[in-house]
Amino acid sequence: MLIPHRTSDVEESLLPPDYQRIPASVRQAAGPVMARQVGELLGVDVSVRAKLEPLRGKLVRLVDRGWLRKLPDGRFTTRL
């Protein structure tokens, strides 16, 4: 599996490099962030929807695997 489920024995360093950058950028933000803000932190051209949607997919995949948390308003935050 490319993106492992988060467990106590799986470290963030086991994520692929482009996925490692996402939780790091969410952590550096002052609070919960939208996908657009993560894209800006990562240097993605957020004005182009075709570049933003793959990032959103990665964020959701990290949520599904337990690395991030998605709030009801659509913002993302790190898991505690």
C-alpha atoms as a PDB file:
ATOM      1  CA  MET A   1       0.000   0.000   0.000  1.00  0.00           C
ATOM      2  CA  LEU A   2       1.438   3.328  -1.051  1.00  0.00           C
ATOM      3  CA  ILE A   3      -0.088   5.250   1.870  1.00  0.00           C
ATOM      4  CA  PRO A   4      -0.077   3.114   5.024  1.00  0.00           C
ATOM      5  CA  HIS A   5      -2.675   3.473   7.734  1.00  0.00           C
ATOM      6  CA  ARG A   6      -1.425   5.446  10.709  1.00  0.00           C
ATOM      7  CA  THR A   7      -0.653   3.231  13.684  1.00  0.00           C
ATOM      8  CA  SER A   8       1.666   3.569  16.648  1.00  0.00           C
ATOM      9  CA  ASP A   9       4.427   1.649  14.859  1.00  0.00           C
ATOM     10  CA  VAL A  10       4.161   3.478  11.486  1.00  0.00           C
ATOM     11  CA  GLU A  11       6.104   6.717  11.265  1.00  0.00           C
ATOM     12  CA  GLU A  12       5.450   9.646   8.963  1.00  0.00           C
ATOM     13  CA  SER A  13       8.818   9.014   7.309  1.00  0.00           C
ATOM     14  CA  LEU A  14       7.293   5.895   5.691  1.00  0.00           C
ATOM     15  CA  LEU A  15       4.984   8.070   3.602  1.00  0.00           C
ATOM     16  CA  PRO A  16       6.129   8.932   0.069  1.00  0.00           C
ATOM     17  CA  PRO A  17       8.047  12.255   0.030  1.00  0.00           C
ATOM     18  CA  ASP A  18       5.243  14.294  -1.586  1.00  0.00           C
ATOM     19  CA  TYR A  19       2.825  12.988   1.056  1.00  0.00           C
ATOM     20  CA  GLN A  20       5.277  13.775   3.894  1.00  0.00           C
ATOM     21  CA  ARG A  21       5.217  17.444   2.905  1.00  0.00           C
ATOM     22  CA  ILE A  22       1.433  17.702   3.323  1.00  0.00           C
ATOM     23  CA  PRO A  23       1.124  16.964   7.084  1.00  0.00           C
ATOM     24  CA  ALA A  24       4.208  19.120   7.673  1.00  0.00           C
ATOM     25  CA  SER A  25       2.559  22.080   5.920  1.00  0.00           C
ATOM     26  CA  VAL A  26      -0.719  21.552   7.805  1.00  0.00           C
ATOM     27  CA  ARG A  27       1.243  21.554  11.084  1.00  0.00           C
ATOM     28  CA  GLN A  28       3.047  24.793  10.207  1.00  0.00           C
ATOM     29  CA  ALA A  29      -0.260  26.611   9.583  1.00  0.00           C
ATOM     30  CA  ALA A  30      -1.720  28.587  12.472  1.00  0.00           C
ATOM     31  CA  GLY A  31      -4.864  26.429  12.566  1.00  0.00           C
ATOM     32  CA  PRO A  32      -7.135  24.304  10.372  1.00  0.00           C
ATOM     33  CA  VAL A  33      -6.576  24.966   6.668  1.00  0.00           C
ATOM     34  CA  MET A  34      -8.428  24.596   3.397  1.00  0.00           C
ATOM     35  CA  ALA A  35      -6.882  22.647   0.515  1.00  0.00           C
ATOM     36  CA  ARG A  36      -6.129  25.942  -1.243  1.00  0.00           C
ATOM     37  CA  GLN A  37      -4.021  27.121   1.715  1.00  0.00           C
ATOM     38  CA  VAL A  38      -2.085  23.841   1.768  1.00  0.00           C
ATOM     39  CA  GLY A  39      -1.453  24.271  -1.945  1.00  0.00           C
ATOM     40  CA  GLU A  40      -0.111  27.763  -1.380  1.00  0.00           C
ATOM     41  CA  LEU A  41       2.236  26.473   1.330  1.00  0.00           C
ATOM     42  CA  LEU A  42       3.455  23.726  -1.015  1.00  0.00           C
ATOM     43  CA  GLY A  43       3.907  26.040  -3.984  1.00  0.00           C
ATOM     44  CA  VAL A  44       1.050  24.594  -6.075  1.00  0.00           C
ATOM     45  CA  ASP A  45      -0.621  26.931  -8.574  1.00  0.00           C
ATOM     46  CA  VAL A  46      -3.966  27.095  -6.750  1.00  0.00           C
ATOM     47  CA  SER A  47      -5.565  29.274  -9.428  1.00  0.00           C
ATOM     48  CA  VAL A  48      -5.685  26.208 -11.698  1.00  0.00           C
ATOM     49  CA  ARG A  49      -8.354  23.744 -10.550  1.00  0.00           C
ATOM     50  CA  ALA A  50      -6.602  20.859 -12.348  1.00  0.00           C
ATOM     51  CA  LYS A  51      -3.594  21.357 -10.059  1.00  0.00           C
ATOM     52  CA  LEU A  52      -5.605  21.813  -6.864  1.00  0.00           C
ATOM     53  CA  GLU A  53      -7.874  18.764  -7.193  1.00  0.00           C
ATOM     54  CA  PRO A  54      -5.044  16.167  -7.077  1.00  0.00           C
ATOM     55  CA  LEU A  55      -3.818  17.830  -3.870  1.00  0.00           C
ATOM     56  CA  ARG A  56      -7.328  17.648  -2.425  1.00  0.00           C
ATOM     57  CA  GLY A  57      -7.358  13.937  -3.269  1.00  0.00           C
ATOM     58  CA  LYS A  58      -4.093  13.451  -1.402  1.00  0.00           C
ATOM     59  CA  LEU A  59      -5.477  15.300   1.616  1.00  0.00           C
ATOM     60  CA  VAL A  60      -8.574  13.091   1.653  1.00  0.00           C
ATOM     61  CA  ARG A  61      -6.428   9.968   1.290  1.00  0.00           C
ATOM     62  CA  LEU A  62      -4.380  11.066   4.306  1.00  0.00           C
ATOM     63  CA  VAL A  63      -7.632  11.614   6.225  1.00  0.00           C
ATOM     64  CA  ASP A  64      -8.872   8.150   5.264  1.00  0.00           C
ATOM     65  CA  ARG A  65      -5.647   6.590   6.505  1.00  0.00           C
ATOM     66  CA  GLY A  66      -5.615   8.506   9.799  1.00  0.00           C
ATOM     67  CA  TRP A  67      -2.778  10.973   9.152  1.00  0.00           C
ATOM     68  CA  LEU A  68      -4.989  14.073   9.028  1.00  0.00           C
ATOM     69  CA  ARG A  69      -8.458  15.032  10.201  1.00  0.00           C
ATOM     70  CA  LYS A  70     -11.125  16.753   8.112  1.00  0.00           C
ATOM     71  CA  LEU A  71     -13.452  19.090   9.971  1.00  0.00           C
ATOM     72  CA  PRO A  72     -17.157  19.385   9.037  1.00  0.00           C
ATOM     73  CA  ASP A  73     -16.494  22.743   7.359  1.00  0.00           C
ATOM     74  CA  GLY A  74     -13.994  21.139   4.939  1.00  0.00           C
ATOM     75  CA  ARG A  75     -10.807  22.348   6.613  1.00  0.00           C
ATOM     76  CA  PHE A  76      -7.952  19.990   7.428  1.00  0.00           C
ATOM     77  CA  THR A  77      -5.956  19.669  10.611  1.00  0.00           C
ATOM     78  CA  THR A  78      -3.431  17.265  12.080  1.00  0.00           C
ATOM     79  CA  ARG A  79      -4.513  14.417  14.295  1.00  0.00           C
ATOM     80  CA  LEU A  80      -3.628  14.679  17.953  1.00  0.00           C
END
